[in-house]
PDB file of all heavy atoms in Angstrom:
ATOM      1  N   GLU A   1     -47.406 -17.937 -29.122  1.00  0.00           N
ATOM      2  CA  GLU A   1     -48.188 -19.146 -28.658  1.00  0.00           C
ATOM      3  C   GLU A   1     -48.830 -18.863 -27.406  1.00  0.00           C
ATOM      4  O   GLU A   1     -50.095 -19.461 -27.307  1.00  0.00           O
ATOM      5  CB  GLU A   1     -47.318 -20.357 -28.613  1.00  0.00           C
ATOM      6  CG  GLU A   1     -46.526 -20.710 -29.930  1.00  0.00           C
ATOM      7  CD  GLU A   1     -45.403 -21.688 -29.684  1.00  0.00           C
ATOM      8  OE1 GLU A   1     -45.175 -22.061 -28.425  1.00  0.00           O
ATOM      9  OE2 GLU A   1     -44.732 -22.026 -30.643  1.00  0.00           O
ATOM     10  N   ARG A   2     -48.402 -18.103 -26.483  1.00  0.00           N
ATOM     11  CA  ARG A   2     -48.957 -18.115 -25.052  1.00  0.00           C
ATOM     12  C   ARG A   2     -49.482 -16.769 -24.733  1.00  0.00           C
ATOM     13  O   ARG A   2     -50.330 -16.778 -23.689  1.00  0.00           O
ATOM     14  CB  ARG A   2     -47.793 -18.418 -24.209  1.00  0.00           C
ATOM     15  CG  ARG A   2     -47.183 -19.815 -24.379  1.00  0.00           C
ATOM     16  CD  ARG A   2     -45.911 -20.087 -23.604  1.00  0.00           C
ATOM     17  NE  ARG A   2     -45.363 -21.322 -23.923  1.00  0.00           N
ATOM     18  CZ  ARG A   2     -44.165 -21.843 -23.413  1.00  0.00           C
ATOM     19  NH1 ARG A   2     -43.438 -21.069 -22.568  1.00  0.00           N
ATOM     20  NH2 ARG A   2     -43.679 -22.992 -23.734  1.00  0.00           N
ATOM     21  N   SER A   3     -49.395 -15.764 -25.537  1.00  0.00           N
ATOM     22  CA  SER A   3     -49.868 -14.404 -25.095  1.00  0.00           C
ATOM     23  C   SER A   3     -51.479 -14.533 -25.375  1.00  0.00           C
ATOM     24  O   SER A   3     -51.969 -15.230 -26.150  1.00  0.00           O
ATOM     25  CB  SER A   3     -49.346 -13.308 -26.016  1.00  0.00           C
ATOM     26  OG  SER A   3     -48.028 -13.024 -25.576  1.00  0.00           O
ATOM     27  N   MET A   4     -52.192 -13.718 -24.568  1.00  0.00           N
ATOM     28  CA  MET A   4     -53.609 -13.502 -24.760  1.00  0.00           C
ATOM     29  C   MET A   4     -53.797 -12.068 -25.412  1.00  0.00           C
ATOM     30  O   MET A   4     -53.561 -11.094 -24.736  1.00  0.00           O
ATOM     31  CB  MET A   4     -54.357 -13.551 -23.445  1.00  0.00           C
ATOM     32  CG  MET A   4     -55.923 -13.427 -23.593  1.00  0.00           C
ATOM     33  SD  MET A   4     -56.850 -13.336 -22.066  1.00  0.00           S
ATOM     34  CE  MET A   4     -56.995 -11.518 -21.946  1.00  0.00           C
ATOM     35  N   LEU A   5     -54.024 -12.079 -26.725  1.00  0.00           N
ATOM     36  CA  LEU A   5     -54.122 -10.825 -27.474  1.00  0.00           C
ATOM     37  C   LEU A   5     -55.568 -10.369 -27.710  1.00  0.00           C
ATOM     38  O   LEU A   5     -55.710  -9.093 -27.979  1.00  0.00           O
ATOM     39  CB  LEU A   5     -53.469 -10.938 -28.811  1.00  0.00           C
ATOM     40  CG  LEU A   5     -51.855 -11.390 -28.706  1.00  0.00           C
ATOM     41  CD1 LEU A   5     -51.363 -11.471 -30.217  1.00  0.00           C
ATOM     42  CD2 LEU A   5     -51.041 -10.349 -27.986  1.00  0.00           C
ATOM     43  N   THR A   6     -56.545 -11.156 -27.571  1.00  0.00           N
ATOM     44  CA  THR A   6     -57.889 -10.819 -27.704  1.00  0.00           C
ATOM     45  C   THR A   6     -58.714 -11.342 -26.594  1.00  0.00           C
ATOM     46  O   THR A   6     -58.293 -12.268 -25.865  1.00  0.00           O
ATOM     47  CB  THR A   6     -58.421 -11.303 -29.030  1.00  0.00           C
ATOM     48  OG1 THR A   6     -58.416 -12.744 -29.051  1.00  0.00           O
ATOM     49  CG2 THR A   6     -57.736 -10.800 -30.212  1.00  0.00           C
ATOM     50  N   GLN A   7     -59.850 -10.786 -26.351  1.00  0.00           N
ATOM     51  CA  GLN A   7     -60.739 -11.204 -25.251  1.00  0.00           C
ATOM     52  C   GLN A   7     -61.305 -12.579 -25.636  1.00  0.00           C
ATOM     53  O   GLN A   7     -61.905 -12.796 -26.692  1.00  0.00           O
ATOM     54  CB  GLN A   7     -61.934 -10.218 -25.096  1.00  0.00           C
ATOM     55  CG  GLN A   7     -62.718 -10.498 -23.854  1.00  0.00           C
ATOM     56  CD  GLN A   7     -63.683  -9.384 -23.570  1.00  0.00           C
ATOM     57  OE1 GLN A   7     -63.900  -8.477 -24.232  1.00  0.00           O
ATOM     58  NE2 GLN A   7     -64.410  -9.501 -22.368  1.00  0.00           N
ATOM     59  N   PRO A   8     -61.186 -13.529 -24.683  1.00  0.00           N
ATOM     60  CA  PRO A   8     -61.691 -14.893 -24.927  1.00  0.00           C
ATOM     61  C   PRO A   8     -63.298 -14.722 -25.038  1.00  0.00           C
ATOM     62  O   PRO A   8     -63.921 -14.024 -24.355  1.00  0.00           O
ATOM     63  CB  PRO A   8     -61.293 -15.587 -23.754  1.00  0.00           C
ATOM     64  CG  PRO A   8     -60.130 -14.879 -23.036  1.00  0.00           C
ATOM     65  CD  PRO A   8     -60.395 -13.427 -23.483  1.00  0.00           C
ATOM     66  N   ARG A   9     -63.765 -15.661 -26.017  1.00  0.00           N
ATOM     67  CA  ARG A   9     -65.172 -15.664 -26.154  1.00  0.00           C
ATOM     68  C   ARG A   9     -65.882 -16.589 -25.274  1.00  0.00           C
ATOM     69  O   ARG A   9     -67.249 -16.599 -25.054  1.00  0.00           O
ATOM     70  CB  ARG A   9     -65.524 -16.081 -27.617  1.00  0.00           C
ATOM     71  CG  ARG A   9     -64.943 -15.058 -28.603  1.00  0.00           C
ATOM     72  CD  ARG A   9     -65.324 -15.555 -30.079  1.00  0.00           C
ATOM     73  NE  ARG A   9     -64.959 -14.549 -30.957  1.00  0.00           N
ATOM     74  CZ  ARG A   9     -65.150 -14.671 -32.307  1.00  0.00           C
ATOM     75  NH1 ARG A   9     -65.884 -15.753 -32.746  1.00  0.00           N
ATOM     76  NH2 ARG A   9     -64.719 -13.779 -33.230  1.00  0.00           N
ATOM     77  N   ASP A  10     -65.163 -17.536 -24.566  1.00  0.00           N
ATOM     78  CA  ASP A  10     -65.697 -18.614 -23.851  1.00  0.00           C
ATOM     79  C   ASP A  10     -65.559 -18.556 -22.430  1.00  0.00           C
ATOM     80  O   ASP A  10     -65.868 -19.462 -21.606  1.00  0.00           O
ATOM     81  CB  ASP A  10     -65.315 -19.911 -24.349  1.00  0.00           C
ATOM     82  CG  ASP A  10     -63.679 -20.069 -24.246  1.00  0.00           C
ATOM     83  OD1 ASP A  10     -63.016 -18.973 -24.045  1.00  0.00           O
ATOM     84  OD2 ASP A  10     -63.114 -21.258 -24.310  1.00  0.00           O
ATOM     85  N   ARG A  11     -64.961 -17.432 -21.902  1.00  0.00           N
ATOM     86  CA  ARG A  11     -64.683 -17.356 -20.435  1.00  0.00           C
ATOM     87  C   ARG A  11     -64.431 -15.950 -20.055  1.00  0.00           C
ATOM     88  O   ARG A  11     -64.132 -15.163 -20.867  1.00  0.00           O
ATOM     89  CB  ARG A  11     -63.470 -18.321 -20.067  1.00  0.00           C
ATOM     90  CG  ARG A  11     -62.201 -17.781 -20.744  1.00  0.00           C
ATOM     91  CD  ARG A  11     -61.042 -18.846 -20.504  1.00  0.00           C
ATOM     92  NE  ARG A  11     -59.759 -18.316 -20.971  1.00  0.00           N
ATOM     93  CZ  ARG A  11     -59.349 -18.474 -22.159  1.00  0.00           C
ATOM     94  NH1 ARG A  11     -60.013 -19.055 -23.111  1.00  0.00           N
ATOM     95  NH2 ARG A  11     -58.135 -17.971 -22.481  1.00  0.00           N
ATOM     96  N   GLU A  12     -64.492 -15.819 -18.760  1.00  0.00           N
ATOM     97  CA  GLU A  12     -64.050 -14.418 -18.202  1.00  0.00           C
ATOM     98  C   GLU A  12     -62.501 -14.374 -18.078  1.00  0.00           C
ATOM     99  O   GLU A  12     -61.944 -15.313 -17.695  1.00  0.00           O
ATOM    100  CB  GLU A  12     -64.787 -14.199 -16.850  1.00  0.00           C
ATOM    101  CG  GLU A  12     -66.215 -14.004 -16.856  1.00  0.00           C
ATOM    102  CD  GLU A  12     -66.877 -13.710 -15.504  1.00  0.00           C
ATOM    103  OE1 GLU A  12     -66.327 -14.454 -14.558  1.00  0.00           O
ATOM    104  OE2 GLU A  12     -67.625 -12.920 -15.409  1.00  0.00           O
ATOM    105  N   ALA A  13     -62.050 -13.151 -18.355  1.00  0.00           N
ATOM    106  CA  ALA A  13     -60.665 -12.872 -18.209  1.00  0.00           C
ATOM    107  C   ALA A  13     -60.410 -11.405 -17.822  1.00  0.00           C
ATOM    108  O   ALA A  13     -61.288 -10.576 -17.988  1.00  0.00           O
ATOM    109  CB  ALA A  13     -59.869 -13.237 -19.556  1.00  0.00           C
ATOM    110  N   VAL A  14     -59.263 -11.143 -17.204  1.00  0.00           N
ATOM    111  CA  VAL A  14     -58.951  -9.862 -16.812  1.00  0.00           C
ATOM    112  C   VAL A  14     -58.318  -9.105 -18.087  1.00  0.00           C
ATOM    113  O   VAL A  14     -57.178  -9.421 -18.481  1.00  0.00           O
ATOM    114  CB  VAL A  14     -57.891  -9.705 -15.662  1.00  0.00           C
ATOM    115  CG1 VAL A  14     -57.536  -8.237 -15.321  1.00  0.00           C
ATOM    116  CG2 VAL A  14     -58.441 -10.444 -14.384  1.00  0.00           C
ATOM    117  N   CYS A  15     -59.110  -8.119 -18.636  1.00  0.00           N
ATOM    118  CA  CYS A  15     -58.589  -7.575 -19.931  1.00  0.00           C
ATOM    119  C   CYS A  15     -57.648  -6.509 -19.668  1.00  0.00           C
ATOM    120  O   CYS A  15     -56.917  -5.974 -20.630  1.00  0.00           O
ATOM    121  CB  CYS A  15     -59.826  -6.980 -20.651  1.00  0.00           C
ATOM    122  SG  CYS A  15     -60.696  -8.298 -21.696  1.00  0.00           S
ATOM    123  N   HIS A  16     -57.422  -6.005 -18.541  1.00  0.00           N
ATOM    124  CA  HIS A  16     -56.442  -4.944 -18.215  1.00  0.00           C
ATOM    125  C   HIS A  16     -55.120  -5.378 -18.777  1.00  0.00           C
ATOM    126  O   HIS A  16     -54.570  -6.339 -18.388  1.00  0.00           O
ATOM    127  CB  HIS A  16     -56.408  -4.638 -16.807  1.00  0.00           C
ATOM    128  CG  HIS A  16     -55.526  -3.395 -16.388  1.00  0.00           C
ATOM    129  ND1 HIS A  16     -56.026  -2.097 -16.481  1.00  0.00           N
ATOM    130  CD2 HIS A  16     -54.231  -3.299 -16.160  1.00  0.00           C
ATOM    131  CE1 HIS A  16     -55.057  -1.314 -16.109  1.00  0.00           C
ATOM    132  NE2 HIS A  16     -53.912  -1.972 -15.970  1.00  0.00           N
ATOM    133  N   ALA A  17     -54.473  -4.506 -19.666  1.00  0.00           N
ATOM    134  CA  ALA A  17     -53.220  -4.962 -20.249  1.00  0.00           C
ATOM    135  C   ALA A  17     -52.094  -5.036 -19.298  1.00  0.00           C
ATOM    136  O   ALA A  17     -51.916  -4.270 -18.416  1.00  0.00           O
ATOM    137  CB  ALA A  17     -52.989  -3.857 -21.281  1.00  0.00           C
ATOM    138  N   SER A  18     -51.402  -6.107 -19.511  1.00  0.00           N
ATOM    139  CA  SER A  18     -50.190  -6.326 -18.648  1.00  0.00           C
ATOM    140  C   SER A  18     -49.142  -7.095 -19.447  1.00  0.00           C
ATOM    141  O   SER A  18     -49.518  -7.855 -20.356  1.00  0.00           O
ATOM    142  CB  SER A  18     -50.511  -7.064 -17.308  1.00  0.00           C
ATOM    143  OG  SER A  18     -51.237  -8.292 -17.653  1.00  0.00           O
ATOM    144  N   ALA A  19     -47.878  -6.963 -19.103  1.00  0.00           N
ATOM    145  CA  ALA A  19     -46.815  -7.725 -19.622  1.00  0.00           C
ATOM    146  C   ALA A  19     -46.184  -8.685 -18.681  1.00  0.00           C
ATOM    147  O   ALA A  19     -45.953  -8.312 -17.514  1.00  0.00           O
ATOM    148  CB  ALA A  19     -45.715  -6.767 -20.194  1.00  0.00           C
ATOM    149  N   TRP A  20     -45.971  -9.824 -19.055  1.00  0.00           N
ATOM    150  CA  TRP A  20     -45.533 -10.962 -18.117  1.00  0.00           C
ATOM    151  C   TRP A  20     -44.183 -11.527 -18.597  1.00  0.00           C
ATOM    152  O   TRP A  20     -43.861 -11.599 -19.730  1.00  0.00           O
ATOM    153  CB  TRP A  20     -46.456 -12.057 -18.138  1.00  0.00           C
ATOM    154  CG  TRP A  20     -47.812 -11.752 -17.579  1.00  0.00           C
ATOM    155  CD1 TRP A  20     -48.683 -10.758 -18.148  1.00  0.00           C
ATOM    156  CD2 TRP A  20     -48.459 -12.327 -16.496  1.00  0.00           C
ATOM    157  NE1 TRP A  20     -49.899 -10.850 -17.405  1.00  0.00           N
ATOM    158  CE2 TRP A  20     -49.836 -11.725 -16.370  1.00  0.00           C
ATOM    159  CE3 TRP A  20     -48.207 -13.268 -15.578  1.00  0.00           C
ATOM    160  CZ2 TRP A  20     -50.660 -12.006 -15.327  1.00  0.00           C
ATOM    161  CZ3 TRP A  20     -49.057 -13.670 -14.542  1.00  0.00           C
ATOM    162  CH2 TRP A  20     -50.261 -12.939 -14.497  1.00  0.00           C
ATOM    163  N   ASN A  21     -43.322 -11.910 -17.636  1.00  0.00           N
ATOM    164  CA  ASN A  21     -42.263 -12.783 -17.933  1.00  0.00           C
ATOM    165  C   ASN A  21     -42.357 -13.952 -16.967  1.00  0.00           C
ATOM    166  O   ASN A  21     -41.962 -13.829 -15.763  1.00  0.00           O
ATOM    167  CB  ASN A  21     -40.874 -12.090 -17.664  1.00  0.00           C
ATOM    168  CG  ASN A  21     -39.645 -12.891 -18.177  1.00  0.00           C
ATOM    169  OD1 ASN A  21     -39.926 -14.093 -18.662  1.00  0.00           O
ATOM    170  ND2 ASN A  21     -38.418 -12.389 -18.145  1.00  0.00           N
ATOM    171  N   VAL A  22     -42.951 -15.021 -17.395  1.00  0.00           N
ATOM    172  CA  VAL A  22     -43.376 -16.082 -16.498  1.00  0.00           C
ATOM    173  C   VAL A  22     -42.212 -16.750 -15.856  1.00  0.00           C
ATOM    174  O   VAL A  22     -42.329 -17.114 -14.636  1.00  0.00           O
ATOM    175  CB  VAL A  22     -44.364 -17.044 -17.241  1.00  0.00           C
ATOM    176  CG1 VAL A  22     -44.671 -18.175 -16.519  1.00  0.00           C
ATOM    177  CG2 VAL A  22     -45.624 -16.312 -17.715  1.00  0.00           C
ATOM    178  N   ASN A  23     -41.175 -17.019 -16.527  1.00  0.00           N
ATOM    179  CA  ASN A  23     -39.982 -17.814 -15.959  1.00  0.00           C
ATOM    180  C   ASN A  23     -38.835 -16.811 -15.614  1.00  0.00           C
ATOM    181  O   ASN A  23     -37.819 -17.312 -15.341  1.00  0.00           O
ATOM    182  CB  ASN A  23     -39.540 -18.856 -16.795  1.00  0.00           C
ATOM    183  CG  ASN A  23     -39.039 -18.431 -18.163  1.00  0.00           C
ATOM    184  OD1 ASN A  23     -39.046 -17.275 -18.534  1.00  0.00           O
ATOM    185  ND2 ASN A  23     -38.703 -19.405 -18.918  1.00  0.00           N
ATOM    186  N   ASP A  24     -39.046 -15.514 -15.655  1.00  0.00           N
ATOM    187  CA  ASP A  24     -37.912 -14.551 -15.458  1.00  0.00           C
ATOM    188  C   ASP A  24     -36.849 -14.707 -16.443  1.00  0.00           C
ATOM    189  O   ASP A  24     -35.565 -14.228 -16.150  1.00  0.00           O
ATOM    190  CB  ASP A  24     -37.455 -14.640 -14.038  1.00  0.00           C
ATOM    191  CG  ASP A  24     -38.402 -13.858 -13.058  1.00  0.00           C
ATOM    192  OD1 ASP A  24     -39.181 -12.996 -13.471  1.00  0.00           O
ATOM    193  OD2 ASP A  24     -38.546 -14.341 -11.891  1.00  0.00           O
ATOM    194  N   GLU A  25     -36.970 -15.453 -17.522  1.00  0.00           N
ATOM    195  CA  GLU A  25     -36.017 -15.604 -18.557  1.00  0.00           C
ATOM    196  C   GLU A  25     -36.464 -15.108 -19.889  1.00  0.00           C
ATOM    197  O   GLU A  25     -36.344 -14.025 -20.226  1.00  0.00           O
ATOM    198  CB  GLU A  25     -35.561 -17.085 -18.574  1.00  0.00           C
ATOM    199  CG  GLU A  25     -34.808 -17.742 -17.396  1.00  0.00           C
ATOM    200  CD  GLU A  25     -33.357 -17.121 -17.245  1.00  0.00           C
ATOM    201  OE1 GLU A  25     -32.858 -16.575 -18.288  1.00  0.00           O
ATOM    202  OE2 GLU A  25     -32.827 -17.231 -16.142  1.00  0.00           O
ATOM    203  N   ASP A  26     -37.098 -16.019 -20.628  1.00  0.00           N
ATOM    204  CA  ASP A  26     -37.508 -15.643 -21.968  1.00  0.00           C
ATOM    205  C   ASP A  26     -39.029 -16.038 -22.243  1.00  0.00           C
ATOM    206  O   ASP A  26     -39.394 -15.874 -23.478  1.00  0.00           O
ATOM    207  CB  ASP A  26     -36.707 -16.332 -23.061  1.00  0.00           C
ATOM    208  CG  ASP A  26     -36.572 -15.536 -24.229  1.00  0.00           C
ATOM    209  OD1 ASP A  26     -36.604 -14.338 -24.263  1.00  0.00           O
ATOM    210  OD2 ASP A  26     -36.496 -16.213 -25.433  1.00  0.00           O
ATOM    211  N   ASP A  27     -39.816 -16.448 -21.298  1.00  0.00           N
ATOM    212  CA  ASP A  27     -41.117 -16.754 -21.490  1.00  0.00           C
ATOM    213  C   ASP A  27     -41.927 -15.476 -21.270  1.00  0.00           C
ATOM    214  O   ASP A  27     -42.822 -15.264 -20.306  1.00  0.00           O
ATOM    215  CB  ASP A  27     -41.594 -17.737 -20.560  1.00  0.00           C
ATOM    216  CG  ASP A  27     -43.048 -18.265 -20.840  1.00  0.00           C
ATOM    217  OD1 ASP A  27     -43.605 -17.775 -21.765  1.00  0.00           O
ATOM    218  OD2 ASP A  27     -43.470 -19.226 -20.093  1.00  0.00           O
ATOM    219  N   VAL A  28     -41.824 -14.515 -22.218  1.00  0.00           N
ATOM    220  CA  VAL A  28     -42.482 -13.207 -22.181  1.00  0.00           C
ATOM    221  C   VAL A  28     -43.845 -13.322 -22.848  1.00  0.00           C
ATOM    222  O   VAL A  28     -43.927 -13.934 -23.821  1.00  0.00           O
ATOM    223  CB  VAL A  28     -41.584 -12.076 -22.724  1.00  0.00           C
ATOM    224  CG1 VAL A  28     -40.421 -11.802 -21.961  1.00  0.00           C
ATOM    225  CG2 VAL A  28     -41.207 -12.344 -24.178  1.00  0.00           C
ATOM    226  N   ARG A  29     -44.825 -12.549 -22.338  1.00  0.00           N
ATOM    227  CA  ARG A  29     -46.181 -12.581 -22.893  1.00  0.00           C
ATOM    228  C   ARG A  29     -46.859 -11.222 -22.588  1.00  0.00           C
ATOM    229  O   ARG A  29     -46.441 -10.575 -21.712  1.00  0.00           O
ATOM    230  CB  ARG A  29     -47.008 -13.726 -22.238  1.00  0.00           C
ATOM    231  CG  ARG A  29     -46.409 -15.061 -22.084  1.00  0.00           C
ATOM    232  CD  ARG A  29     -47.255 -16.003 -21.322  1.00  0.00           C
ATOM    233  NE  ARG A  29     -46.566 -17.138 -20.940  1.00  0.00           N
ATOM    234  CZ  ARG A  29     -47.157 -18.257 -20.316  1.00  0.00           C
ATOM    235  NH1 ARG A  29     -48.408 -18.081 -19.897  1.00  0.00           N
ATOM    236  NH2 ARG A  29     -46.420 -19.319 -20.073  1.00  0.00           N
TER     237      ARG A  29
END
């Protein structure tokens, strides 16, 4: 639901690949 897997068409984004754990628990993206 929360990962960005493709380049957005409507805005600028950093495309450089990275892996996140937003809450240091299970909110991985």
